Protein backbone atom coordinates (compact mmCIF):
# COMPACT_ATOMS: atom_id res chain seq x y z
CA MET A 1 28.23 35.57 -11.49
CA ARG A 2 28.12 35.74 -7.83
CA ALA A 3 31.47 37.14 -5.78
CA ALA A 4 33.56 34.34 -4.29
CA ILE A 5 32.42 33.29 -1.02
CA LEU A 6 33.63 35.10 2.04
CA GLY A 7 31.62 34.52 5.05
CA PHE A 8 30.60 37.28 6.94
CA LEU A 9 28.13 37.54 10.08
CA LEU A 10 26.83 40.52 11.98
CA LEU A 11 25.56 39.92 14.97
CA VAL A 12 23.85 42.87 16.84
CA SER A 13 25.88 42.68 20.48
CA GLY A 14 26.03 46.20 21.74
CA VAL A 15 24.57 47.28 25.04
CA ALA A 16 21.99 49.56 24.19
CA ARG A 17 19.02 51.18 26.19
CA ALA A 18 15.90 49.19 25.73
CA ASP A 19 12.39 49.88 27.03
CA SER A 20 9.98 47.57 28.81
CA THR A 21 8.03 47.27 25.58
CA GLY A 22 9.85 44.25 24.54
CA ALA A 23 12.47 45.52 22.44
CA ARG A 24 14.80 42.68 23.93
CA GLY A 25 12.24 40.17 23.32
CA HIS A 26 12.22 41.08 19.06
CA PHE A 27 15.78 41.17 19.02
CA LEU A 28 16.64 37.80 20.50
CA ALA A 29 13.50 36.13 18.21
CA GLY A 30 15.28 37.84 15.56
CA LEU A 31 18.29 36.15 16.16
CA GLU A 32 16.75 33.10 16.71
CA LEU A 33 15.03 32.93 13.14
CA TYR A 34 18.04 34.37 11.44
CA ALA A 35 20.01 31.12 12.65
CA GLN A 36 16.73 29.35 11.20
CA GLY A 37 17.90 30.87 7.89
CA ARG A 38 13.86 32.92 8.19
CA TYR A 39 15.48 36.06 6.60
CA ALA A 40 12.18 37.85 6.39
CA GLN A 41 11.11 37.17 10.03
CA ALA A 42 13.78 38.03 11.33
CA LEU A 43 13.59 41.24 9.51
CA ALA A 44 10.48 41.91 10.85
CA GLU A 45 11.25 41.54 14.34
CA TYR A 46 14.80 43.70 14.37
CA GLN A 47 12.34 46.15 12.79
CA ALA A 48 9.90 45.90 15.80
CA ALA A 49 12.98 46.57 18.26
CA TRP A 50 14.38 49.19 16.67
CA VAL A 51 10.92 50.99 17.17
CA THR A 52 12.19 51.36 20.64
CA TRP A 53 15.51 50.65 20.56
CA GLU A 54 17.84 52.42 18.12
CA ASP A 55 20.91 50.69 18.81
CA PRO A 56 23.26 51.24 15.46
CA GLU A 57 24.16 47.52 15.26
CA LEU A 58 20.74 46.83 14.90
CA LEU A 59 21.29 48.20 11.54
CA LEU A 60 23.73 45.39 11.13
CA ASP A 61 21.29 42.68 11.44
CA MET A 62 18.61 44.32 9.07
CA ALA A 63 21.16 44.97 6.40
CA GLU A 64 22.42 41.17 6.73
CA CYS A 65 18.77 39.97 6.53
CA ASN A 66 18.17 42.58 3.34
CA ARG A 67 21.09 41.05 1.79
CA HIS A 68 20.18 37.56 1.96
CA LEU A 69 16.58 38.24 0.73
CA GLY A 70 18.32 40.30 -2.06
CA ASN A 71 17.11 43.39 -0.95
CA LEU A 72 20.80 45.12 -1.91
CA ASP A 73 19.49 49.31 -1.92
CA GLU A 74 18.24 48.80 1.53
CA ALA A 75 21.31 46.76 2.60
CA ARG A 76 23.32 49.56 1.81
CA THR A 77 21.74 52.19 3.30
CA GLN A 78 21.44 50.52 6.35
CA TYR A 79 25.31 49.55 6.40
CA ARG A 80 25.87 53.19 5.80
CA GLY A 81 23.73 54.45 8.64
CA PHE A 82 25.79 52.14 10.60
CA LEU A 83 28.75 53.70 9.67
CA ALA A 84 27.66 57.08 10.09
CA ARG A 85 26.27 56.20 13.62
CA ALA A 86 29.01 54.22 14.94
CA PRO A 87 31.84 55.61 12.84
CA HIS A 88 34.47 54.12 15.79
CA SER A 89 33.00 50.37 16.11
CA ALA A 90 35.31 47.86 15.66
CA LEU A 91 33.06 46.21 13.03
CA ARG A 92 33.82 49.43 11.26
CA GLY A 93 36.00 47.19 8.69
CA SER A 94 34.07 44.49 8.03
CA VAL A 95 31.34 46.52 7.44
CA GLU A 96 32.94 49.01 4.75
CA ARG A 97 34.36 45.36 3.15
CA GLN A 98 30.80 44.30 3.07
CA LEU A 99 29.75 47.38 1.25
CA VAL A 100 32.57 46.57 -1.44
CA ARG A 101 31.06 42.96 -2.04
CA LEU A 102 27.56 44.33 -2.65
CA ASP A 103 28.73 47.26 -5.28
CA ARG A 104 30.54 44.23 -6.80
CA SER A 105 28.06 41.69 -6.84
CA ASP A 106 25.99 43.29 -10.22
CA GLY A 107 22.93 43.13 -8.63
CA GLU A 108 22.87 39.85 -7.17
CA ALA A 109 22.81 39.20 -3.62
CA PRO A 110 26.22 37.56 -2.61
CA PRO A 111 26.26 34.26 -0.93
CA PRO A 112 25.21 33.63 2.40
CA ALA A 113 27.89 34.07 5.49
CA GLU A 114 28.42 31.05 7.59
CA LEU A 115 26.28 31.54 10.84
CA THR A 116 27.59 29.50 14.28
CA VAL A 117 25.58 31.07 17.00
CA ALA A 118 26.88 28.92 20.16
CA ALA A 119 25.54 30.27 23.54
CA PRO A 120 22.19 32.04 22.95
CA ALA A 121 20.39 29.18 23.28
CA THR A 122 21.77 28.61 26.75
CA THR A 123 18.99 28.56 29.46
CA SER A 124 21.34 28.95 32.27
CA ALA A 125 23.05 31.86 30.94
CA MET A 126 19.07 33.64 29.61
CA ALA A 127 17.63 32.66 32.95
CA ALA A 128 20.87 34.86 34.87
CA ASP A 129 19.78 38.01 32.64
CA THR A 130 16.49 37.35 32.94
CA HIS A 131 16.83 38.28 36.82
CA PRO A 132 19.34 40.53 36.93
CA GLY A 133 20.54 40.83 40.86
CA ARG A 134 18.10 38.16 42.01
CA THR A 135 20.90 36.22 44.04
CA LEU A 136 21.47 39.40 45.74
CA ARG A 137 18.65 40.13 46.65
CA ILE A 138 17.96 37.09 48.17
CA LEU A 139 20.76 37.20 50.30
CA GLY A 140 19.47 40.31 51.35
CA VAL A 141 15.95 39.16 52.35
CA THR A 142 17.88 36.32 54.29
CA GLY A 143 20.07 38.28 55.76
CA TRP A 144 16.90 40.68 57.24
CA VAL A 145 15.22 37.58 58.55
CA LEU A 146 18.54 36.17 60.07
CA SER A 147 19.09 39.77 61.64
CA ALA A 148 15.57 39.62 63.25
CA ALA A 149 16.31 36.54 64.54
CA ALA A 150 19.85 37.36 66.27
CA PHE A 151 18.11 40.58 67.75
CA GLY A 152 14.88 38.43 68.91
CA VAL A 153 17.46 35.66 70.68
CA GLY A 154 19.25 38.95 71.97
CA ILE A 155 16.39 40.05 73.85
CA TYR A 156 15.70 36.38 75.07
CA THR A 157 19.01 36.35 76.73
CA TRP A 158 18.93 40.29 78.12
CA GLN A 159 16.04 38.91 79.78
CA HIS A 160 17.56 35.80 81.43
CA TYR A 161 20.84 38.04 82.34
CA SER A 162 18.57 40.93 84.05
CA ALA A 163 16.86 38.22 86.01
CA LEU A 164 19.97 36.56 86.96
CA GLU A 165 21.58 39.48 87.75
CA GLY A 166 18.77 40.72 90.40
CA ARG A 167 18.97 37.06 91.72
CA ALA A 168 22.86 37.81 92.54
CA HIS A 169 22.60 41.33 94.23
CA ASP A 170 19.73 39.42 96.38
CA ASP A 171 22.17 36.43 97.05
CA LEU A 172 24.94 39.45 97.81
CA SER A 173 23.01 41.18 100.07
CA MET A 174 22.29 37.92 102.50
CA LEU A 175 25.99 37.01 102.54
CA ALA A 176 26.67 40.65 103.69
CA GLY A 177 23.87 40.66 106.30
CA ALA A 178 24.36 39.75 109.63
CA GLY A 179 27.57 41.68 110.39
CA ALA A 180 29.20 39.56 108.31
CA VAL A 181 30.96 42.80 106.74
CA THR A 182 31.92 44.19 110.07
CA ASN A 183 33.51 41.08 111.65
CA ALA A 184 35.10 40.07 107.99
CA THR A 185 38.93 39.58 107.38
CA PRO A 186 40.39 42.11 104.35
CA ALA A 187 39.70 39.68 101.79
CA GLU A 188 36.25 39.26 102.30
CA ARG A 189 35.81 43.22 102.58
CA ALA A 190 37.76 43.46 99.45
CA PHE A 191 35.19 40.91 97.57
CA PHE A 192 32.13 43.04 99.14
CA THR A 193 33.99 46.35 98.00
CA ASN A 194 34.36 44.94 94.67
CA PRO A 195 32.25 41.46 94.04
CA GLY A 196 33.05 39.17 91.45
CA CYS A 197 32.09 35.78 90.91
CA SER A 198 34.68 33.72 93.15
CA PRO A 199 33.87 34.81 96.56
CA PRO A 200 36.78 33.86 99.16
CA SER A 201 36.21 30.34 100.50
CA SER A 202 36.04 31.85 103.97
CA ILE A 203 32.00 32.82 103.22
CA PRO A 204 29.91 30.49 103.91
CA ASN A 205 26.80 29.55 101.79
CA THR A 206 28.31 31.37 98.22
CA GLY A 207 27.11 28.38 96.05
CA ALA A 208 23.75 30.57 94.95
CA TYR A 209 25.40 33.51 94.30
CA ARG A 210 28.26 31.73 92.62
CA HIS A 211 26.12 30.00 90.06
CA ASP A 212 23.65 33.14 89.43
CA CYS A 213 26.55 35.48 88.61
CA THR A 214 28.55 33.01 86.37
CA GLN A 215 25.35 32.11 84.57
CA GLY A 216 24.60 36.35 84.78
CA GLN A 217 28.15 36.67 82.84
CA ALA A 218 27.57 34.11 80.76
CA TYR A 219 23.94 35.51 79.17
CA SER A 220 25.62 39.18 79.55
CA ALA A 221 28.09 37.96 76.77
CA ALA A 222 25.27 35.94 74.75
CA THR A 223 23.74 38.82 74.97
CA THR A 224 26.09 41.33 73.35
CA ALA A 225 27.15 38.67 70.53
CA MET A 226 23.43 38.65 69.76
CA PHE A 227 23.22 42.61 69.30
CA VAL A 228 26.33 42.80 67.73
CA GLY A 229 25.32 40.01 64.98
CA SER A 230 21.95 41.35 64.39
CA ALA A 231 23.46 44.61 63.74
CA ALA A 232 26.07 43.18 61.24
CA LEU A 233 23.87 40.79 59.33
CA GLY A 234 21.66 43.84 58.76
CA ILE A 235 24.15 46.28 57.25
CA ALA A 236 25.53 43.27 55.03
CA ALA A 237 21.90 42.65 54.16
CA THR A 238 21.09 45.81 53.32
CA ILE A 239 24.39 46.46 51.29
CA ALA A 240 23.56 43.44 49.37
CA TYR A 241 20.06 43.92 48.41
CA VAL A 242 20.67 47.75 47.30
CA VAL A 243 23.43 46.40 45.38
CA GLY A 244 20.91 43.73 43.56
CA ALA A 245 17.93 46.09 43.25
CA LYS A 246 20.79 48.21 41.03
CA LYS A 247 21.73 45.32 39.15
CA ALA A 248 17.87 44.30 38.40
CA SER A 249 16.85 47.96 37.64
CA ARG A 250 20.22 48.41 34.96
CA GLY A 251 19.07 44.97 33.27
CA ARG A 252 15.64 46.37 33.08
CA GLU A 253 16.95 49.38 31.00
CA ARG A 254 19.19 47.19 29.11
CA PRO A 255 20.22 43.93 28.01
CA THR A 256 23.87 43.15 27.97
CA VAL A 257 25.19 41.11 25.06
CA ALA A 258 28.78 40.19 25.15
CA PRO A 259 30.01 38.91 21.62
CA MET A 260 33.43 37.12 21.03
CA PHE A 261 34.18 36.80 17.01
CA ALA A 262 36.67 34.26 15.94
CA PRO A 263 37.80 33.83 12.63
CA SER A 264 37.57 30.03 10.73
CA PHE A 265 38.00 28.58 7.38
CA GLY A 266 35.24 30.11 5.38
CA GLY A 267 33.66 32.33 7.81
CA LEU A 268 33.11 34.36 11.28
CA GLN A 269 32.06 32.49 13.91
CA ALA A 270 30.34 34.22 16.84
CA ARG A 271 29.63 33.13 20.13
CA VAL A 272 27.00 35.41 21.83
CA SER A 273 27.13 35.39 25.43
CA PHE A 274 23.92 36.79 26.95
């Protein structure tokens, strides 16, 4: 007689090193086929993933497929292989209980486990894992573009500042000419010694000088702001791109699968997030 129904699900979910030969694709295909009850095809996909991705929990997936197919000796071997490779796994107790049920099954496969896959088909989550670090890299490239634009604006404002500074110097020379300094008042002498953009009202014809000096100061401040902003954007963009590139590199090395198990009546629900 078959053993009493006690749902059990062991979905592979550990983080492992997967190469670029398609181990992740085989694993995901195996999950989908298992959910459809196509255990022979799922087993083949898990075995293909195992060739280049020897994660211990893949043995659990293969064992479950073999259990459903009635290949109990193979299932026992794979369950025990998992226990040997991952003796401290949180799934150890479940695997040991499954082995006990297999030993009590009198040669018959135990009843199928309940399977509830809640998240693997989530398109947005799958897309996010397919391109890890993409958002940061996009921000990095965008930051570089903005940094270059700010630098270009800084060059533009610096050119205007230089031109206005030269004109203001010429205006000041004209104001100081014709003996103006010799006959100047103390306030006028102080201005010519340390000129600013607000000459004393006693000096005639200062309109052009005031305009050129004031505009030059505005362009000088804008130039400083653009160069500082360009440098800050460039640094931030570089940091964002480097972090994104590292995430992308880690994503290519290993798929990250985070399982969440919750007990339910008659079985064990599994929610798997990729």
